Amino acid sequence: MHVAQLLLPAPHLLELLVGLRAQDAYEEHLRDNTVTPVPDQVQFRLDWAAWLRTLTGRERRMTRMMARGERTMDVGRQFELSPSRVSQLRSEFRQDWHRFCGEHESAATVAQ
């Protein structure tokens, strides 16, 4: 084993560290929310974390990029997907989130 390999975290730890940094950036964005009542913010944070655990690691990384407002083209490039497929997945994630929260989307919302 090379000495440099001993200094680097295992691949799963590296993914965890990258995920934590992304989560920290997302949490920082949420902290700036002065409009939503605190109990609603707490509920969202709990539900969001629970919902993310239902996704694969790849899906979690994608949804975090989308939640940060990354462009469809950039998400597609990162995950080797066409912009059309990213848009489809964005819609599927939104529908799954609403199902997870026990909400029913109207037909007009789903069509967006």
PDB file of N, CA and C in Angstrom:
ATOM      1  N   MET A   1       0.860  -1.177   0.000  1.00  0.00           N
ATOM      2  CA  MET A   1       0.000   0.000   0.000  1.00  0.00           C
ATOM      3  C   MET A   1       0.900   1.231   0.000  1.00  0.00           C
ATOM      4  N   HIS A   2       0.544   2.176  -0.810  1.00  0.00           N
ATOM      5  CA  HIS A   2       1.286   3.419  -0.921  1.00  0.00           C
ATOM      6  C   HIS A   2       0.991   4.298   0.289  1.00  0.00           C
ATOM      7  N   VAL A   3       1.964   5.071   0.732  1.00  0.00           N
ATOM      8  CA  VAL A   3       1.813   5.928   1.907  1.00  0.00           C
ATOM      9  C   VAL A   3       0.655   6.907   1.721  1.00  0.00           C
ATOM     10  N   ALA A   4       0.497   7.452   0.519  1.00  0.00           N
ATOM     11  CA  ALA A   4      -0.584   8.414   0.265  1.00  0.00           C
ATOM     12  C   ALA A   4      -1.952   7.770   0.488  1.00  0.00           C
ATOM     13  N   GLN A   5      -2.064   6.458   0.182  1.00  0.00           N
ATOM     14  CA  GLN A   5      -3.335   5.768   0.377  1.00  0.00           C
ATOM     15  C   GLN A   5      -3.696   5.680   1.853  1.00  0.00           C
ATOM     16  N   LEU A   6      -2.703   5.606   2.697  1.00  0.00           N
ATOM     17  CA  LEU A   6      -2.957   5.550   4.129  1.00  0.00           C
ATOM     18  C   LEU A   6      -3.515   6.873   4.655  1.00  0.00           C
ATOM     19  N   LEU A   7      -3.191   7.964   3.974  1.00  0.00           N
ATOM     20  CA  LEU A   7      -3.629   9.267   4.425  1.00  0.00           C
ATOM     21  C   LEU A   7      -5.019   9.642   3.925  1.00  0.00           C
ATOM     22  N   LEU A   8      -5.493   8.942   2.887  1.00  0.00           N
ATOM     23  CA  LEU A   8      -6.805   9.253   2.319  1.00  0.00           C
ATOM     24  C   LEU A   8      -7.879   8.405   2.982  1.00  0.00           C
ATOM     25  N   PRO A   9      -9.072   8.971   3.184  1.00  0.00           N
ATOM     26  CA  PRO A   9     -10.157   8.184   3.755  1.00  0.00           C
ATOM     27  C   PRO A   9     -10.639   7.142   2.747  1.00  0.00           C
ATOM     28  N   ALA A  10     -11.231   6.088   3.243  1.00  0.00           N
ATOM     29  CA  ALA A  10     -11.818   5.066   2.383  1.00  0.00           C
ATOM     30  C   ALA A  10     -12.875   5.718   1.501  1.00  0.00           C
ATOM     31  N   PRO A  11     -13.145   5.130   0.313  1.00  0.00           N
ATOM     32  CA  PRO A  11     -14.116   5.753  -0.603  1.00  0.00           C
ATOM     33  C   PRO A  11     -15.469   6.057   0.043  1.00  0.00           C
ATOM     34  N   HIS A  12     -15.975   5.149   0.874  1.00  0.00           N
ATOM     35  CA  HIS A  12     -17.281   5.419   1.488  1.00  0.00           C
ATOM     36  C   HIS A  12     -17.198   6.566   2.489  1.00  0.00           C
ATOM     37  N   LEU A  13     -16.046   6.719   3.139  1.00  0.00           N
ATOM     38  CA  LEU A  13     -15.875   7.849   4.058  1.00  0.00           C
ATOM     39  C   LEU A  13     -15.745   9.156   3.283  1.00  0.00           C
ATOM     40  N   LEU A  14     -15.064   9.089   2.140  1.00  0.00           N
ATOM     41  CA  LEU A  14     -14.928  10.284   1.321  1.00  0.00           C
ATOM     42  C   LEU A  14     -16.301  10.739   0.830  1.00  0.00           C
ATOM     43  N   GLU A  15     -17.139   9.793   0.390  1.00  0.00           N
ATOM     44  CA  GLU A  15     -18.496  10.133  -0.044  1.00  0.00           C
ATOM     45  C   GLU A  15     -19.282  10.751   1.112  1.00  0.00           C
ATOM     46  N   LEU A  16     -19.109  10.202   2.308  1.00  0.00           N
ATOM     47  CA  LEU A  16     -19.791  10.737   3.478  1.00  0.00           C
ATOM     48  C   LEU A  16     -19.344  12.167   3.761  1.00  0.00           C
ATOM     49  N   LEU A  17     -18.032  12.413   3.677  1.00  0.00           N
ATOM     50  CA  LEU A  17     -17.515  13.753   3.929  1.00  0.00           C
ATOM     51  C   LEU A  17     -18.028  14.755   2.898  1.00  0.00           C
ATOM     52  N   VAL A  18     -18.045  14.349   1.624  1.00  0.00           N
ATOM     53  CA  VAL A  18     -18.561  15.227   0.572  1.00  0.00           C
ATOM     54  C   VAL A  18     -20.038  15.484   0.820  1.00  0.00           C
ATOM     55  N   GLY A  19     -20.781  14.451   1.195  1.00  0.00           N
ATOM     56  CA  GLY A  19     -22.203  14.604   1.489  1.00  0.00           C
ATOM     57  C   GLY A  19     -22.448  15.529   2.659  1.00  0.00           C
ATOM     58  N   LEU A  20     -21.598  15.431   3.681  1.00  0.00           N
ATOM     59  CA  LEU A  20     -21.747  16.307   4.846  1.00  0.00           C
ATOM     60  C   LEU A  20     -21.489  17.757   4.483  1.00  0.00           C
ATOM     61  N   ARG A  21     -20.483  17.987   3.633  1.00  0.00           N
ATOM     62  CA  ARG A  21     -20.212  19.357   3.197  1.00  0.00           C
ATOM     63  C   ARG A  21     -21.400  19.918   2.418  1.00  0.00           C
ATOM     64  N   ALA A  22     -21.985  19.097   1.540  1.00  0.00           N
ATOM     65  CA  ALA A  22     -23.156  19.533   0.775  1.00  0.00           C
ATOM     66  C   ALA A  22     -24.328  19.789   1.715  1.00  0.00           C
ATOM     67  N   GLN A  23     -24.504  18.908   2.701  1.00  0.00           N
ATOM     68  CA  GLN A  23     -25.584  19.079   3.664  1.00  0.00           C
ATOM     69  C   GLN A  23     -25.373  20.353   4.478  1.00  0.00           C
ATOM     70  N   ASP A  24     -24.121  20.631   4.862  1.00  0.00           N
ATOM     71  CA  ASP A  24     -23.822  21.850   5.607  1.00  0.00           C
ATOM     72  C   ASP A  24     -24.189  23.088   4.787  1.00  0.00           C
ATOM     73  N   ALA A  25     -23.878  23.069   3.498  1.00  0.00           N
ATOM     74  CA  ALA A  25     -24.218  24.201   2.635  1.00  0.00           C
ATOM     75  C   ALA A  25     -25.726  24.359   2.543  1.00  0.00           C
ATOM     76  N   TYR A  26     -26.432  23.241   2.451  1.00  0.00           N
ATOM     77  CA  TYR A  26     -27.891  23.285   2.375  1.00  0.00           C
ATOM     78  C   TYR A  26     -28.471  23.793   3.694  1.00  0.00           C
ATOM     79  N   GLU A  27     -27.931  23.307   4.801  1.00  0.00           N
ATOM     80  CA  GLU A  27     -28.396  23.757   6.118  1.00  0.00           C
ATOM     81  C   GLU A  27     -28.145  25.254   6.293  1.00  0.00           C
ATOM     82  N   GLU A  28     -27.023  25.733   5.799  1.00  0.00           N
ATOM     83  CA  GLU A  28     -26.728  27.167   5.878  1.00  0.00           C
ATOM     84  C   GLU A  28     -27.794  27.962   5.129  1.00  0.00           C
ATOM     85  N   HIS A  29     -28.204  27.455   3.993  1.00  0.00           N
ATOM     86  CA  HIS A  29     -29.257  28.108   3.210  1.00  0.00           C
ATOM     87  C   HIS A  29     -30.572  28.116   3.997  1.00  0.00           C
ATOM     88  N   LEU A  30     -30.885  27.024   4.674  1.00  0.00           N
ATOM     89  CA  LEU A  30     -32.118  26.949   5.453  1.00  0.00           C
ATOM     90  C   LEU A  30     -32.094  27.901   6.642  1.00  0.00           C
ATOM     91  N   ARG A  31     -30.920  28.131   7.215  1.00  0.00           N
ATOM     92  CA  ARG A  31     -30.803  29.008   8.373  1.00  0.00           C
ATOM     93  C   ARG A  31     -31.240  30.437   8.062  1.00  0.00           C
ATOM     94  N   ASP A  32     -31.109  30.813   6.805  1.00  0.00           N
ATOM     95  CA  ASP A  32     -31.477  32.164   6.400  1.00  0.00           C
ATOM     96  C   ASP A  32     -32.992  32.348   6.279  1.00  0.00           C
ATOM     97  N   ASN A  33     -33.765  31.310   6.487  1.00  0.00           N
ATOM     98  CA  ASN A  33     -35.214  31.358   6.345  1.00  0.00           C
ATOM     99  C   ASN A  33     -35.830  31.989   7.592  1.00  0.00           C
ATOM    100  N   THR A  34     -36.296  33.215   7.440  1.00  0.00           N
ATOM    101  CA  THR A  34     -36.932  33.903   8.563  1.00  0.00           C
ATOM    102  C   THR A  34     -38.443  33.979   8.387  1.00  0.00           C
ATOM    103  N   VAL A  35     -38.975  33.378   7.325  1.00  0.00           N
ATOM    104  CA  VAL A  35     -40.398  33.454   7.014  1.00  0.00           C
ATOM    105  C   VAL A  35     -41.162  32.249   7.570  1.00  0.00           C
ATOM    106  N   THR A  36     -40.601  31.067   7.389  1.00  0.00           N
ATOM    107  CA  THR A  36     -41.275  29.841   7.808  1.00  0.00           C
ATOM    108  C   THR A  36     -41.215  29.695   9.320  1.00  0.00           C
ATOM    109  N   PRO A  37     -42.348  29.396   9.967  1.00  0.00           N
ATOM    110  CA  PRO A  37     -42.340  29.199  11.426  1.00  0.00           C
ATOM    111  C   PRO A  37     -41.374  28.073  11.828  1.00  0.00           C
ATOM    112  N   VAL A  38     -40.745  28.235  12.962  1.00  0.00           N
ATOM    113  CA  VAL A  38     -39.740  27.277  13.434  1.00  0.00           C
ATOM    114  C   VAL A  38     -40.279  25.843  13.494  1.00  0.00           C
ATOM    115  N   PRO A  39     -41.485  25.597  14.025  1.00  0.00           N
ATOM    116  CA  PRO A  39     -41.975  24.212  14.049  1.00  0.00           C
ATOM    117  C   PRO A  39     -42.061  23.595  12.646  1.00  0.00           C
ATOM    118  N   ASP A  40     -42.435  24.402  11.652  1.00  0.00           N
ATOM    119  CA  ASP A  40     -42.487  23.904  10.273  1.00  0.00           C
ATOM    120  C   ASP A  40     -41.087  23.605   9.752  1.00  0.00           C
ATOM    121  N   GLN A  41     -40.120  24.440  10.120  1.00  0.00           N
ATOM    122  CA  GLN A  41     -38.741  24.199   9.704  1.00  0.00           C
ATOM    123  C   GLN A  41     -38.210  22.902  10.307  1.00  0.00           C
ATOM    124  N   VAL A  42     -38.510  22.686  11.577  1.00  0.00           N
ATOM    125  CA  VAL A  42     -38.067  21.459  12.250  1.00  0.00           C
ATOM    126  C   VAL A  42     -38.689  20.242  11.581  1.00  0.00           C
ATOM    127  N   GLN A  43     -39.982  20.311  11.309  1.00  0.00           N
ATOM    128  CA  GLN A  43     -40.674  19.187  10.663  1.00  0.00           C
ATOM    129  C   GLN A  43     -40.073  18.902   9.292  1.00  0.00           C
ATOM    130  N   PHE A  44     -39.780  19.975   8.548  1.00  0.00           N
ATOM    131  CA  PHE A  44     -39.171  19.795   7.229  1.00  0.00           C
ATOM    132  C   PHE A  44     -37.817  19.100   7.342  1.00  0.00           C
ATOM    133  N   ARG A  45     -37.000  19.568   8.265  1.00  0.00           N
ATOM    134  CA  ARG A  45     -35.661  18.968   8.412  1.00  0.00           C
ATOM    135  C   ARG A  45     -35.747  17.485   8.751  1.00  0.00           C
ATOM    136  N   LEU A  46     -36.674  17.118   9.615  1.00  0.00           N
ATOM    137  CA  LEU A  46     -36.842  15.708   9.971  1.00  0.00           C
ATOM    138  C   LEU A  46     -37.355  14.900   8.785  1.00  0.00           C
ATOM    139  N   ASP A  47     -38.384  15.423   8.117  1.00  0.00           N
ATOM    140  CA  ASP A  47     -38.952  14.714   6.965  1.00  0.00           C
ATOM    141  C   ASP A  47     -37.953  14.616   5.819  1.00  0.00           C
ATOM    142  N   TRP A  48     -37.232  15.716   5.565  1.00  0.00           N
ATOM    143  CA  TRP A  48     -36.260  15.733   4.464  1.00  0.00           C
ATOM    144  C   TRP A  48     -35.187  14.668   4.692  1.00  0.00           C
ATOM    145  N   ALA A  49     -34.643  14.614   5.892  1.00  0.00           N
ATOM    146  CA  ALA A  49     -33.602  13.626   6.202  1.00  0.00           C
ATOM    147  C   ALA A  49     -34.153  12.205   6.067  1.00  0.00           C
ATOM    148  N   ALA A  50     -35.366  11.983   6.547  1.00  0.00           N
ATOM    149  CA  ALA A  50     -35.976  10.647   6.454  1.00  0.00           C
ATOM    150  C   ALA A  50     -36.229  10.282   4.990  1.00  0.00           C
ATOM    151  N   TRP A  51     -36.699  11.237   4.197  1.00  0.00           N
ATOM    152  CA  TRP A  51     -36.965  10.960   2.787  1.00  0.00           C
ATOM    153  C   TRP A  51     -35.674  10.660   2.050  1.00  0.00           C
ATOM    154  N   LEU A  52     -34.615  11.424   2.331  1.00  0.00           N
ATOM    155  CA  LEU A  52     -33.337  11.180   1.663  1.00  0.00           C
ATOM    156  C   LEU A  52     -32.837   9.758   1.924  1.00  0.00           C
ATOM    157  N   ARG A  53     -33.122   9.243   3.102  1.00  0.00           N
ATOM    158  CA  ARG A  53     -32.682   7.877   3.428  1.00  0.00           C
ATOM    159  C   ARG A  53     -33.408   6.819   2.599  1.00  0.00           C
ATOM    160  N   THR A  54     -34.516   7.179   1.956  1.00  0.00           N
ATOM    161  CA  THR A  54     -35.228   6.220   1.103  1.00  0.00           C
ATOM    162  C   THR A  54     -34.619   6.153  -0.293  1.00  0.00           C
ATOM    163  N   LEU A  55     -33.722   7.083  -0.608  1.00  0.00           N
ATOM    164  CA  LEU A  55     -33.126   7.158  -1.938  1.00  0.00           C
ATOM    165  C   LEU A  55     -31.772   6.461  -1.968  1.00  0.00           C
ATOM    166  N   THR A  56     -31.331   6.138  -3.169  1.00  0.00           N
ATOM    167  CA  THR A  56     -29.978   5.599  -3.323  1.00  0.00           C
ATOM    168  C   THR A  56     -28.982   6.733  -3.116  1.00  0.00           C
ATOM    169  N   GLY A  57     -27.727   6.391  -2.933  1.00  0.00           N
ATOM    170  CA  GLY A  57     -26.696   7.414  -2.767  1.00  0.00           C
ATOM    171  C   GLY A  57     -26.643   8.359  -3.957  1.00  0.00           C
ATOM    172  N   ARG A  58     -26.751   7.817  -5.146  1.00  0.00           N
ATOM    173  CA  ARG A  58     -26.729   8.632  -6.361  1.00  0.00           C
ATOM    174  C   ARG A  58     -27.926   9.579  -6.396  1.00  0.00           C
ATOM    175  N   GLU A  59     -29.098   9.065  -6.066  1.00  0.00           N
ATOM    176  CA  GLU A  59     -30.298   9.900  -6.049  1.00  0.00           C
ATOM    177  C   GLU A  59     -30.182  11.010  -5.001  1.00  0.00           C
ATOM    178  N   ARG A  60     -29.603  10.683  -3.845  1.00  0.00           N
ATOM    179  CA  ARG A  60     -29.405  11.709  -2.805  1.00  0.00           C
ATOM    180  C   ARG A  60     -28.498  12.824  -3.308  1.00  0.00           C
ATOM    181  N   ARG A  61     -27.417  12.445  -3.971  1.00  0.00           N
ATOM    182  CA  ARG A  61     -26.500  13.464  -4.496  1.00  0.00           C
ATOM    183  C   ARG A  61     -27.206  14.334  -5.533  1.00  0.00           C
ATOM    184  N   MET A  62     -28.026  13.691  -6.370  1.00  0.00           N
ATOM    185  CA  MET A  62     -28.769  14.449  -7.382  1.00  0.00           C
ATOM    186  C   MET A  62     -29.763  15.418  -6.747  1.00  0.00           C
ATOM    187  N   THR A  63     -30.541  14.926  -5.787  1.00  0.00           N
ATOM    188  CA  THR A  63     -31.556  15.787  -5.167  1.00  0.00           C
ATOM    189  C   THR A  63     -30.904  16.938  -4.414  1.00  0.00           C
ATOM    190  N   ARG A  64     -29.757  16.700  -3.817  1.00  0.00           N
ATOM    191  CA  ARG A  64     -29.065  17.789  -3.121  1.00  0.00           C
ATOM    192  C   ARG A  64     -28.603  18.852  -4.106  1.00  0.00           C
ATOM    193  N   MET A  65     -28.095  18.417  -5.274  1.00  0.00           N
ATOM    194  CA  MET A  65     -27.696  19.393  -6.296  1.00  0.00           C
ATOM    195  C   MET A  65     -28.915  20.190  -6.753  1.00  0.00           C
ATOM    196  N   MET A  66     -30.005  19.483  -6.968  1.00  0.00           N
ATOM    197  CA  MET A  66     -31.231  20.153  -7.417  1.00  0.00           C
ATOM    198  C   MET A  66     -31.734  21.117  -6.349  1.00  0.00           C
ATOM    199  N   ALA A  67     -31.702  20.694  -5.096  1.00  0.00           N
ATOM    200  CA  ALA A  67     -32.189  21.528  -3.994  1.00  0.00           C
ATOM    201  C   ALA A  67     -31.330  22.775  -3.825  1.00  0.00           C
ATOM    202  N   ARG A  68     -30.062  22.681  -4.173  1.00  0.00           N
ATOM    203  CA  ARG A  68     -29.181  23.853  -4.094  1.00  0.00           C
ATOM    204  C   ARG A  68     -29.391  24.799  -5.270  1.00  0.00           C
ATOM    205  N   GLY A  69     -30.234  24.381  -6.228  1.00  0.00           N
ATOM    206  CA  GLY A  69     -30.527  25.237  -7.373  1.00  0.00           C
ATOM    207  C   GLY A  69     -29.572  25.073  -8.537  1.00  0.00           C
ATOM    208  N   GLU A  70     -28.834  23.962  -8.553  1.00  0.00           N
ATOM    209  CA  GLU A  70     -27.922  23.725  -9.673  1.00  0.00           C
ATOM    210  C   GLU A  70     -28.723  23.595 -10.962  1.00  0.00           C
ATOM    211  N   ARG A  71     -28.146  24.046 -12.053  1.00  0.00           N
ATOM    212  CA  ARG A  71     -28.826  24.001 -13.347  1.00  0.00           C
ATOM    213  C   ARG A  71     -28.994  22.559 -13.822  1.00  0.00           C
ATOM    214  N   THR A  72     -30.076  22.328 -14.558  1.00  0.00           N
ATOM    215  CA  THR A  72     -30.374  21.006 -15.105  1.00  0.00           C
ATOM    216  C   THR A  72     -29.199  20.487 -15.918  1.00  0.00           C
ATOM    217  N   MET A  73     -28.613  21.358 -16.726  1.00  0.00           N
ATOM    218  CA  MET A  73     -27.476  20.962 -17.557  1.00  0.00           C
ATOM    219  C   MET A  73     -26.295  20.515 -16.699  1.00  0.00           C
ATOM    220  N   ASP A  74     -26.044  21.205 -15.588  1.00  0.00           N
ATOM    221  CA  ASP A  74     -24.920  20.850 -14.712  1.00  0.00           C
ATOM    222  C   ASP A  74     -25.170  19.539 -13.986  1.00  0.00           C
ATOM    223  N   VAL A  75     -26.404  19.315 -13.549  1.00  0.00           N
ATOM    224  CA  VAL A  75     -26.744  18.042 -12.906  1.00  0.00           C
ATOM    225  C   VAL A  75     -26.567  16.910 -13.919  1.00  0.00           C
ATOM    226  N   GLY A  76     -27.045  17.134 -15.132  1.00  0.00           N
ATOM    227  CA  GLY A  76     -26.905  16.123 -16.178  1.00  0.00           C
ATOM    228  C   GLY A  76     -25.453  15.798 -16.472  1.00  0.00           C
ATOM    229  N   ARG A  77     -24.637  16.822 -16.556  1.00  0.00           N
ATOM    230  CA  ARG A  77     -23.210  16.610 -16.828  1.00  0.00           C
ATOM    231  C   ARG A  77     -22.572  15.809 -15.684  1.00  0.00           C
ATOM    232  N   GLN A  78     -22.894  16.164 -14.438  1.00  0.00           N
ATOM    233  CA  GLN A  78     -22.316  15.487 -13.276  1.00  0.00           C
ATOM    234  C   GLN A  78     -22.682  14.004 -13.241  1.00  0.00           C
ATOM    235  N   PHE A  79     -23.924  13.681 -13.641  1.00  0.00           N
ATOM    236  CA  PHE A  79     -24.404  12.298 -13.531  1.00  0.00           C
ATOM    237  C   PHE A  79     -24.533  11.603 -14.883  1.00  0.00           C
ATOM    238  N   GLU A  80     -23.986  12.228 -15.924  1.00  0.00           N
ATOM    239  CA  GLU A  80     -24.000  11.661 -17.274  1.00  0.00           C
ATOM    240  C   GLU A  80     -25.426  11.340 -17.726  1.00  0.00           C
ATOM    241  N   LEU A  81     -26.302  12.335 -17.570  1.00  0.00           N
ATOM    242  CA  LEU A  81     -27.697  12.222 -17.978  1.00  0.00           C
ATOM    243  C   LEU A  81     -28.035  13.372 -18.910  1.00  0.00           C
ATOM    244  N   SER A  82     -29.011  13.159 -19.776  1.00  0.00           N
ATOM    245  CA  SER A  82     -29.462  14.252 -20.635  1.00  0.00           C
ATOM    246  C   SER A  82     -30.267  15.238 -19.798  1.00  0.00           C
ATOM    247  N   PRO A  83     -30.310  16.490 -20.218  1.00  0.00           N
ATOM    248  CA  PRO A  83     -31.142  17.466 -19.502  1.00  0.00           C
ATOM    249  C   PRO A  83     -32.603  17.006 -19.412  1.00  0.00           C
ATOM    250  N   SER A  84     -33.091  16.339 -20.449  1.00  0.00           N
ATOM    251  CA  SER A  84     -34.471  15.844 -20.417  1.00  0.00           C
ATOM    252  C   SER A  84     -34.664  14.830 -19.301  1.00  0.00           C
ATOM    253  N   ARG A  85     -33.692  13.933 -19.145  1.00  0.00           N
ATOM    254  CA  ARG A  85     -33.807  12.909 -18.092  1.00  0.00           C
ATOM    255  C   ARG A  85     -33.723  13.555 -16.710  1.00  0.00           C
ATOM    256  N   VAL A  86     -32.880  14.564 -16.566  1.00  0.00           N
ATOM    257  CA  VAL A  86     -32.780  15.269 -15.286  1.00  0.00           C
ATOM    258  C   VAL A  86     -34.131  15.908 -14.958  1.00  0.00           C
ATOM    259  N   SER A  87     -34.773  16.519 -15.940  1.00  0.00           N
ATOM    260  CA  SER A  87     -36.090  17.126 -15.717  1.00  0.00           C
ATOM    261  C   SER A  87     -37.120  16.083 -15.316  1.00  0.00           C
ATOM    262  N   GLN A  88     -37.069  14.913 -15.968  1.00  0.00           N
ATOM    263  CA  GLN A  88     -37.981  13.826 -15.597  1.00  0.00           C
ATOM    264  C   GLN A  88     -37.747  13.391 -14.159  1.00  0.00           C
ATOM    265  N   LEU A  89     -36.485  13.224 -13.802  1.00  0.00           N
ATOM    266  CA  LEU A  89     -36.158  12.802 -12.442  1.00  0.00           C
ATOM    267  C   LEU A  89     -36.579  13.853 -11.421  1.00  0.00           C
ATOM    268  N   ARG A  90     -36.394  15.122 -11.762  1.00  0.00           N
ATOM    269  CA  ARG A  90     -36.800  16.203 -10.867  1.00  0.00           C
ATOM    270  C   ARG A  90     -38.294  16.086 -10.572  1.00  0.00           C
ATOM    271  N   SER A  91     -39.076  15.828 -11.600  1.00  0.00           N
ATOM    272  CA  SER A  91     -40.523  15.665 -11.438  1.00  0.00           C
ATOM    273  C   SER A  91     -40.841  14.415 -10.605  1.00  0.00           C
ATOM    274  N   GLU A  92     -40.128  13.321 -10.868  1.00  0.00           N
ATOM    275  CA  GLU A  92     -40.338  12.089 -10.097  1.00  0.00           C
ATOM    276  C   GLU A  92     -39.976  12.293  -8.625  1.00  0.00           C
ATOM    277  N   PHE A  93     -38.878  12.991  -8.376  1.00  0.00           N
ATOM    278  CA  PHE A  93     -38.483  13.260  -6.991  1.00  0.00           C
ATOM    279  C   PHE A  93     -39.538  14.111  -6.281  1.00  0.00           C
ATOM    280  N   ARG A  94     -40.035  15.125  -6.999  1.00  0.00           N
ATOM    281  CA  ARG A  94     -41.063  15.988  -6.409  1.00  0.00           C
ATOM    282  C   ARG A  94     -42.310  15.175  -6.054  1.00  0.00           C
ATOM    283  N   GLN A  95     -42.751  14.318  -6.968  1.00  0.00           N
ATOM    284  CA  GLN A  95     -43.924  13.482  -6.713  1.00  0.00           C
ATOM    285  C   GLN A  95     -43.677  12.532  -5.542  1.00  0.00           C
ATOM    286  N   ASP A  96     -42.479  11.949  -5.505  1.00  0.00           N
ATOM    287  CA  ASP A  96     -42.154  11.027  -4.421  1.00  0.00           C
ATOM    288  C   ASP A  96     -42.118  11.752  -3.080  1.00  0.00           C
ATOM    289  N   TRP A  97     -41.567  12.974  -3.066  1.00  0.00           N
ATOM    290  CA  TRP A  97     -41.525  13.785  -1.837  1.00  0.00           C
ATOM    291  C   TRP A  97     -42.940  14.038  -1.336  1.00  0.00           C
ATOM    292  N   HIS A  98     -43.832  14.432  -2.227  1.00  0.00           N
ATOM    293  CA  HIS A  98     -45.214  14.713  -1.831  1.00  0.00           C
ATOM    294  C   HIS A  98     -45.905  13.444  -1.319  1.00  0.00           C
ATOM    295  N   ARG A  99     -45.654  12.320  -1.978  1.00  0.00           N
ATOM    296  CA  ARG A  99     -46.210  11.039  -1.502  1.00  0.00           C
ATOM    297  C   ARG A  99     -45.673  10.725  -0.112  1.00  0.00           C
ATOM    298  N   PHE A 100     -44.380  10.920   0.075  1.00  0.00           N
ATOM    299  CA  PHE A 100     -43.739  10.639   1.359  1.00  0.00           C
ATOM    300  C   PHE A 100     -44.367  11.465   2.474  1.00  0.00           C
ATOM    301  N   CYS A 101     -44.691  12.719   2.156  1.00  0.00           N
ATOM    302  CA  CYS A 101     -45.286  13.620   3.145  1.00  0.00           C
ATOM    303  C   CYS A 101     -46.793  13.422   3.286  1.00  0.00           C
ATOM    304  N   GLY A 102     -47.346  12.507   2.506  1.00  0.00           N
ATOM    305  CA  GLY A 102     -48.781  12.254   2.596  1.00  0.00           C
ATOM    306  C   GLY A 102     -49.614  13.313   1.917  1.00  0.00           C
ATOM    307  N   GLU A 103     -48.998  14.065   1.021  1.00  0.00           N
ATOM    308  CA  GLU A 103     -49.715  15.109   0.295  1.00  0.00           C
ATOM    309  C   GLU A 103     -50.142  14.560  -1.058  1.00  0.00           C
ATOM    310  N   HIS A 104     -51.204  15.094  -1.590  1.00  0.00           N
ATOM    311  CA  HIS A 104     -51.667  14.727  -2.918  1.00  0.00           C
ATOM    312  C   HIS A 104     -51.534  15.943  -3.808  1.00  0.00           C
ATOM    313  N   GLU A 105     -50.736  15.791  -4.866  1.00  0.00           N
ATOM    314  CA  GLU A 105     -50.549  16.905  -5.788  1.00  0.00           C
ATOM    315  C   GLU A 105     -51.750  16.992  -6.724  1.00  0.00           C
ATOM    316  N   SER A 106     -52.094  18.211  -7.087  1.00  0.00           N
ATOM    317  CA  SER A 106     -53.148  18.379  -8.078  1.00  0.00           C
ATOM    318  C   SER A 106     -52.580  18.062  -9.453  1.00  0.00           C
ATOM    319  N   ALA A 107     -53.446  17.786 -10.405  1.00  0.00           N
ATOM    320  CA  ALA A 107     -53.014  17.478 -11.753  1.00  0.00           C
ATOM    321  C   ALA A 107     -52.228  18.640 -12.356  1.00  0.00           C
ATOM    322  N   ALA A 108     -52.596  19.870 -12.026  1.00  0.00           N
ATOM    323  CA  ALA A 108     -51.893  21.050 -12.541  1.00  0.00           C
ATOM    324  C   ALA A 108     -50.464  21.106 -12.021  1.00  0.00           C
ATOM    325  N   THR A 109     -50.248  20.748 -10.767  1.00  0.00           N
ATOM    326  CA  THR A 109     -48.909  20.762 -10.180  1.00  0.00           C
ATOM    327  C   THR A 109     -48.027  19.701 -10.828  1.00  0.00           C
ATOM    328  N   VAL A 110     -48.581  18.513 -11.031  1.00  0.00           N
ATOM    329  CA  VAL A 110     -47.821  17.403 -11.625  1.00  0.00           C
ATOM    330  C   VAL A 110     -47.423  17.736 -13.042  1.00  0.00           C
ATOM    331  N   ALA A 111     -48.269  18.470 -13.776  1.00  0.00           N
ATOM    332  CA  ALA A 111     -47.998  18.804 -15.174  1.00  0.00           C
ATOM    333  C   ALA A 111     -46.867  19.796 -15.335  1.00  0.00           C
ATOM    334  N   GLN A 112     -46.469  20.481 -14.280  1.00  0.00           N
ATOM    335  CA  GLN A 112     -45.415  21.508 -14.393  1.00  0.00           C
ATOM    336  C   GLN A 112     -44.109  20.916 -14.786  1.00  0.00           C
TER     337      GLN A 112
END
